[in-house]
N, C-alpha and C. Protein backbone atom coordinates (compact mmCIF):
# COMPACT_ATOMS: atom_id res chain seq x y z
N MET A 1 -15.04 155.74 31.70
CA MET A 1 -14.96 155.49 30.29
C MET A 1 -15.79 154.25 29.95
N LYS A 2 -16.51 154.31 28.86
CA LYS A 2 -17.38 153.22 28.42
C LYS A 2 -16.56 152.14 27.74
N GLU A 3 -16.86 150.85 28.09
CA GLU A 3 -16.13 149.74 27.47
C GLU A 3 -16.58 149.55 26.04
N PRO A 4 -15.67 149.16 25.16
CA PRO A 4 -16.06 148.96 23.76
C PRO A 4 -17.00 147.77 23.64
N GLU A 5 -17.92 147.87 22.70
CA GLU A 5 -18.89 146.80 22.47
C GLU A 5 -18.23 145.69 21.66
N LEU A 6 -18.46 144.46 22.09
CA LEU A 6 -17.91 143.30 21.39
C LEU A 6 -18.77 143.03 20.17
N LYS A 7 -18.16 142.95 19.01
CA LYS A 7 -18.90 142.69 17.77
C LYS A 7 -18.55 141.32 17.23
N THR A 8 -19.54 140.69 16.63
CA THR A 8 -19.32 139.39 16.01
C THR A 8 -19.80 139.45 14.58
N ALA A 9 -19.30 138.53 13.79
CA ALA A 9 -19.71 138.47 12.39
C ALA A 9 -21.18 138.12 12.32
N PRO A 10 -21.90 138.67 11.34
CA PRO A 10 -23.32 138.36 11.20
C PRO A 10 -23.56 136.86 11.10
N GLY A 11 -24.56 136.38 11.81
CA GLY A 11 -24.91 134.96 11.78
C GLY A 11 -24.14 134.10 12.74
N THR A 12 -23.19 134.68 13.50
CA THR A 12 -22.41 133.89 14.44
C THR A 12 -22.69 134.26 15.88
N GLU A 13 -23.74 135.03 16.11
CA GLU A 13 -24.06 135.44 17.47
C GLU A 13 -24.47 134.23 18.30
N THR A 14 -23.91 134.12 19.49
CA THR A 14 -24.26 133.05 20.42
C THR A 14 -24.38 133.63 21.81
N ALA A 15 -24.99 132.88 22.69
CA ALA A 15 -25.10 133.31 24.08
C ALA A 15 -23.70 133.36 24.68
N PRO A 16 -23.43 134.30 25.59
CA PRO A 16 -22.08 134.43 26.17
C PRO A 16 -21.54 133.15 26.78
N GLU A 17 -22.39 132.37 27.48
CA GLU A 17 -21.89 131.14 28.09
C GLU A 17 -21.45 130.12 27.05
N GLN A 18 -22.00 130.18 25.83
CA GLN A 18 -21.58 129.25 24.80
C GLN A 18 -20.19 129.59 24.27
N ASN A 19 -19.82 130.85 24.34
CA ASN A 19 -18.50 131.25 23.86
C ASN A 19 -17.39 130.74 24.77
N THR A 20 -17.70 130.51 26.04
CA THR A 20 -16.67 130.09 26.97
C THR A 20 -16.59 128.57 27.11
N VAL A 21 -17.62 127.87 26.67
CA VAL A 21 -17.62 126.41 26.76
C VAL A 21 -16.82 125.86 25.58
N LYS A 22 -15.84 125.04 25.89
CA LYS A 22 -15.00 124.46 24.86
C LYS A 22 -15.13 122.95 24.95
N GLU A 23 -15.36 122.32 23.81
CA GLU A 23 -15.47 120.86 23.79
C GLU A 23 -14.17 120.27 24.28
N LYS A 24 -14.28 119.37 25.26
CA LYS A 24 -13.06 118.75 25.76
C LYS A 24 -12.49 117.83 24.69
N GLU A 25 -11.19 117.89 24.55
CA GLU A 25 -10.53 117.02 23.60
C GLU A 25 -10.03 115.81 24.35
N GLY A 26 -10.01 114.69 23.69
CA GLY A 26 -9.52 113.51 24.36
C GLY A 26 -10.08 112.25 23.79
N ASN A 27 -10.75 111.50 24.63
CA ASN A 27 -11.17 110.16 24.25
C ASN A 27 -12.65 110.08 23.93
N TYR A 28 -12.92 109.97 22.66
CA TYR A 28 -14.26 109.68 22.17
C TYR A 28 -14.14 108.44 21.31
N TYR A 29 -15.13 107.59 21.41
CA TYR A 29 -15.06 106.31 20.73
C TYR A 29 -16.29 106.06 19.88
N VAL A 30 -16.07 105.37 18.77
CA VAL A 30 -17.14 104.75 18.01
C VAL A 30 -17.03 103.28 18.36
N TYR A 31 -18.17 102.63 18.57
CA TYR A 31 -18.14 101.23 18.96
C TYR A 31 -19.17 100.44 18.18
N LEU A 32 -18.89 99.16 18.04
CA LEU A 32 -19.84 98.22 17.46
C LEU A 32 -20.14 97.17 18.51
N LEU A 33 -21.42 96.90 18.69
CA LEU A 33 -21.87 95.83 19.56
C LEU A 33 -22.39 94.70 18.69
N LEU A 34 -22.10 93.48 19.08
CA LEU A 34 -22.71 92.32 18.45
C LEU A 34 -23.87 91.93 19.35
N CYS A 35 -25.08 91.99 18.80
CA CYS A 35 -26.28 91.68 19.57
C CYS A 35 -26.55 90.19 19.55
N SER A 36 -27.39 89.73 20.46
CA SER A 36 -27.67 88.30 20.59
C SER A 36 -28.31 87.70 19.34
N ASP A 37 -28.94 88.51 18.50
CA ASP A 37 -29.54 88.00 17.28
C ASP A 37 -28.58 88.02 16.09
N GLY A 38 -27.31 88.39 16.34
CA GLY A 38 -26.30 88.42 15.29
C GLY A 38 -26.19 89.74 14.56
N SER A 39 -27.03 90.70 14.89
CA SER A 39 -26.95 92.02 14.26
C SER A 39 -25.92 92.88 14.98
N TYR A 40 -25.54 93.98 14.32
CA TYR A 40 -24.58 94.91 14.90
C TYR A 40 -25.29 96.22 15.24
N TYR A 41 -24.85 96.83 16.33
CA TYR A 41 -25.32 98.15 16.71
C TYR A 41 -24.11 99.06 16.79
N CYS A 42 -24.23 100.26 16.22
CA CYS A 42 -23.13 101.22 16.20
C CYS A 42 -23.51 102.45 17.01
N GLY A 43 -22.56 102.97 17.79
CA GLY A 43 -22.81 104.18 18.56
C GLY A 43 -21.50 104.88 18.87
N TYR A 44 -21.58 106.01 19.57
CA TYR A 44 -20.38 106.70 20.02
C TYR A 44 -20.52 107.01 21.50
N THR A 45 -19.39 107.15 22.17
CA THR A 45 -19.38 107.39 23.61
C THR A 45 -18.01 107.89 24.05
N ASP A 46 -17.89 108.26 25.30
CA ASP A 46 -16.57 108.59 25.86
C ASP A 46 -16.08 107.46 26.77
N ASP A 47 -16.89 106.42 26.94
CA ASP A 47 -16.51 105.29 27.78
C ASP A 47 -17.22 104.01 27.28
N PRO A 48 -16.58 103.27 26.38
CA PRO A 48 -17.24 102.10 25.77
C PRO A 48 -17.69 101.03 26.76
N GLU A 49 -16.90 100.74 27.78
CA GLU A 49 -17.27 99.70 28.75
C GLU A 49 -18.51 100.10 29.55
N ARG A 50 -18.56 101.35 29.95
CA ARG A 50 -19.73 101.84 30.69
C ARG A 50 -20.96 101.80 29.79
N ARG A 51 -20.78 102.20 28.54
CA ARG A 51 -21.91 102.22 27.60
C ARG A 51 -22.43 100.81 27.33
N LEU A 52 -21.52 99.85 27.24
CA LEU A 52 -21.93 98.45 27.07
C LEU A 52 -22.79 98.00 28.25
N ALA A 53 -22.38 98.36 29.46
CA ALA A 53 -23.14 98.00 30.65
C ALA A 53 -24.54 98.62 30.61
N VAL A 54 -24.64 99.85 30.13
CA VAL A 54 -25.94 100.52 30.02
C VAL A 54 -26.83 99.78 29.02
N HIS A 55 -26.26 99.41 27.87
CA HIS A 55 -27.03 98.65 26.88
C HIS A 55 -27.51 97.33 27.47
N ASN A 56 -26.63 96.61 28.13
CA ASN A 56 -26.99 95.30 28.68
C ASN A 56 -27.94 95.38 29.87
N ALA A 57 -28.03 96.56 30.48
CA ALA A 57 -28.99 96.76 31.57
C ALA A 57 -30.38 97.11 31.03
N GLY A 58 -30.48 97.24 29.70
CA GLY A 58 -31.77 97.57 29.08
C GLY A 58 -32.09 99.04 29.10
N LYS A 59 -31.10 99.87 29.41
CA LYS A 59 -31.31 101.30 29.49
C LYS A 59 -30.61 102.06 28.37
N GLY A 60 -30.08 101.33 27.40
CA GLY A 60 -29.40 101.95 26.27
C GLY A 60 -30.38 102.22 25.15
N ALA A 61 -29.92 102.04 23.95
CA ALA A 61 -30.75 102.29 22.78
C ALA A 61 -31.92 101.32 22.71
N LYS A 62 -33.01 101.79 22.16
CA LYS A 62 -34.20 100.96 22.00
C LYS A 62 -33.87 99.70 21.18
N TYR A 63 -33.00 99.85 20.19
CA TYR A 63 -32.64 98.74 19.32
C TYR A 63 -32.04 97.58 20.11
N THR A 64 -31.20 97.87 21.10
CA THR A 64 -30.50 96.82 21.83
C THR A 64 -31.32 96.20 22.96
N ARG A 65 -32.39 96.85 23.37
CA ARG A 65 -33.17 96.35 24.52
C ARG A 65 -33.68 94.94 24.33
N SER A 66 -34.14 94.61 23.12
CA SER A 66 -34.68 93.27 22.88
C SER A 66 -33.65 92.33 22.27
N ARG A 67 -32.40 92.78 22.20
CA ARG A 67 -31.35 91.97 21.57
C ARG A 67 -30.19 91.72 22.54
N ARG A 68 -30.48 91.70 23.82
CA ARG A 68 -29.45 91.48 24.83
C ARG A 68 -29.22 89.99 25.03
N PRO A 69 -28.05 89.62 25.49
CA PRO A 69 -26.91 90.47 25.82
C PRO A 69 -26.14 90.88 24.58
N CYS A 70 -25.49 92.02 24.69
CA CYS A 70 -24.65 92.53 23.61
C CYS A 70 -23.19 92.38 24.02
N THR A 71 -22.34 92.25 23.01
CA THR A 71 -20.90 92.13 23.25
C THR A 71 -20.19 93.24 22.50
N LEU A 72 -19.27 93.91 23.16
CA LEU A 72 -18.47 94.94 22.52
C LEU A 72 -17.42 94.26 21.65
N VAL A 73 -17.49 94.48 20.32
CA VAL A 73 -16.59 93.77 19.41
C VAL A 73 -15.62 94.68 18.67
N TYR A 74 -15.84 96.01 18.73
CA TYR A 74 -14.98 96.91 17.97
C TYR A 74 -15.06 98.31 18.53
N THR A 75 -13.92 98.98 18.63
CA THR A 75 -13.88 100.41 18.99
C THR A 75 -12.83 101.12 18.15
N GLU A 76 -13.07 102.40 17.94
CA GLU A 76 -12.09 103.31 17.34
C GLU A 76 -12.07 104.55 18.22
N ARG A 77 -10.88 105.08 18.51
CA ARG A 77 -10.76 106.25 19.36
C ARG A 77 -10.51 107.50 18.53
N PHE A 78 -11.11 108.62 18.95
CA PHE A 78 -10.96 109.90 18.27
C PHE A 78 -10.66 111.00 19.28
N GLY A 79 -10.11 112.08 18.79
CA GLY A 79 -9.76 113.21 19.66
C GLY A 79 -10.92 114.13 19.97
N THR A 80 -11.93 114.15 19.10
CA THR A 80 -13.07 115.04 19.34
C THR A 80 -14.38 114.28 19.14
N LYS A 81 -15.41 114.81 19.76
CA LYS A 81 -16.74 114.23 19.64
C LYS A 81 -17.21 114.30 18.18
N HIS A 82 -16.92 115.40 17.52
CA HIS A 82 -17.32 115.57 16.12
C HIS A 82 -16.73 114.47 15.23
N GLU A 83 -15.45 114.17 15.43
CA GLU A 83 -14.82 113.12 14.63
C GLU A 83 -15.49 111.76 14.88
N ALA A 84 -15.78 111.48 16.14
CA ALA A 84 -16.42 110.21 16.48
C ALA A 84 -17.82 110.13 15.89
N MET A 85 -18.56 111.21 15.95
CA MET A 85 -19.92 111.22 15.41
C MET A 85 -19.90 111.08 13.89
N SER A 86 -18.92 111.68 13.24
CA SER A 86 -18.80 111.56 11.78
C SER A 86 -18.50 110.12 11.40
N ARG A 87 -17.61 109.49 12.13
CA ARG A 87 -17.28 108.09 11.85
C ARG A 87 -18.49 107.19 12.12
N GLU A 88 -19.22 107.46 13.20
CA GLU A 88 -20.41 106.68 13.50
C GLU A 88 -21.40 106.76 12.34
N TYR A 89 -21.61 107.95 11.82
CA TYR A 89 -22.53 108.14 10.69
C TYR A 89 -22.09 107.28 9.51
N TYR A 90 -20.79 107.27 9.26
CA TYR A 90 -20.23 106.48 8.16
C TYR A 90 -20.44 104.98 8.40
N LEU A 91 -20.14 104.51 9.60
CA LEU A 91 -20.26 103.08 9.91
C LEU A 91 -21.70 102.60 9.86
N LYS A 92 -22.65 103.46 10.18
CA LYS A 92 -24.05 103.07 10.14
C LYS A 92 -24.52 102.79 8.72
N LYS A 93 -23.79 103.30 7.73
CA LYS A 93 -24.15 103.05 6.33
C LYS A 93 -23.59 101.72 5.82
N LEU A 94 -22.69 101.11 6.58
CA LEU A 94 -22.09 99.86 6.13
C LEU A 94 -23.09 98.71 6.19
N SER A 95 -22.90 97.77 5.30
CA SER A 95 -23.74 96.56 5.32
C SER A 95 -23.27 95.65 6.46
N HIS A 96 -24.05 94.63 6.73
CA HIS A 96 -23.69 93.66 7.77
C HIS A 96 -22.34 93.02 7.43
N ARG A 97 -22.16 92.63 6.18
CA ARG A 97 -20.89 92.01 5.75
C ARG A 97 -19.71 92.96 5.93
N GLU A 98 -19.91 94.21 5.60
CA GLU A 98 -18.83 95.19 5.75
C GLU A 98 -18.48 95.40 7.22
N ARG A 99 -19.48 95.41 8.07
CA ARG A 99 -19.21 95.53 9.51
C ARG A 99 -18.47 94.29 10.02
N GLU A 100 -18.87 93.12 9.53
CA GLU A 100 -18.18 91.88 9.90
C GLU A 100 -16.71 91.95 9.52
N ALA A 101 -16.43 92.41 8.31
CA ALA A 101 -15.05 92.52 7.83
C ALA A 101 -14.27 93.49 8.71
N LEU A 102 -14.89 94.57 9.09
CA LEU A 102 -14.24 95.55 9.96
C LEU A 102 -13.89 94.92 11.30
N VAL A 103 -14.82 94.19 11.87
CA VAL A 103 -14.60 93.54 13.17
C VAL A 103 -13.50 92.48 13.06
N LYS A 104 -13.53 91.68 11.99
CA LYS A 104 -12.54 90.60 11.83
C LYS A 104 -11.13 91.13 11.63
N THR A 105 -10.98 92.17 10.83
CA THR A 105 -9.64 92.68 10.53
C THR A 105 -9.17 93.72 11.54
N GLY A 106 -10.12 94.45 12.11
CA GLY A 106 -9.75 95.52 13.03
C GLY A 106 -9.20 96.74 12.33
N LEU A 107 -9.25 96.75 11.01
CA LEU A 107 -8.73 97.88 10.24
C LEU A 107 -9.86 98.84 9.92
N PRO A 108 -9.69 100.13 10.24
CA PRO A 108 -10.76 101.10 10.07
C PRO A 108 -11.41 101.16 8.69
N GLY A 109 -10.69 100.87 7.60
CA GLY A 109 -11.29 100.95 6.28
C GLY A 109 -11.66 99.61 5.69
N ALA A 110 -11.55 98.54 6.44
CA ALA A 110 -11.71 97.19 5.90
C ALA A 110 -13.08 96.92 5.35
N GLY A 111 -13.13 96.41 4.14
CA GLY A 111 -14.36 95.97 3.53
C GLY A 111 -15.33 97.08 3.19
N SER A 112 -14.90 98.30 3.24
CA SER A 112 -15.80 99.41 3.07
C SER A 112 -15.93 99.85 1.63
N THR A 113 -17.18 99.91 1.15
CA THR A 113 -17.43 100.42 -0.20
C THR A 113 -18.39 101.59 -0.17
N VAL A 114 -18.78 102.03 1.02
CA VAL A 114 -19.73 103.13 1.14
C VAL A 114 -19.05 104.43 0.77
N ARG A 115 -19.77 105.25 0.03
CA ARG A 115 -19.24 106.55 -0.37
C ARG A 115 -19.97 107.64 0.41
N ASN A 116 -19.20 108.63 0.87
CA ASN A 116 -19.80 109.74 1.62
C ASN A 116 -20.52 110.71 0.73
């Protein structure tokens, strides 16, 4: 007997291996680094301490290479990579003063006037 053909909604076709891969849920972080020139760098990762070491080794973002050493001054934890990336996008729109307020208070919405 012939097996039934698997059908998908139009526009949602993906390779079979993509259907079985599931994003791991758990620890994703948005982080702020204070660079040696006083500027802030924002990124996301699954391991903030390891990522800080990569930045300080000169193998991280191009922005931080000439601004070492960097100090990890703020993190927020999320359950999914998507949530962390969305928050990173939002934090990158903040002004220097707004990022400073966030670091000083430690409150996720502190000093924020940016609209999505």
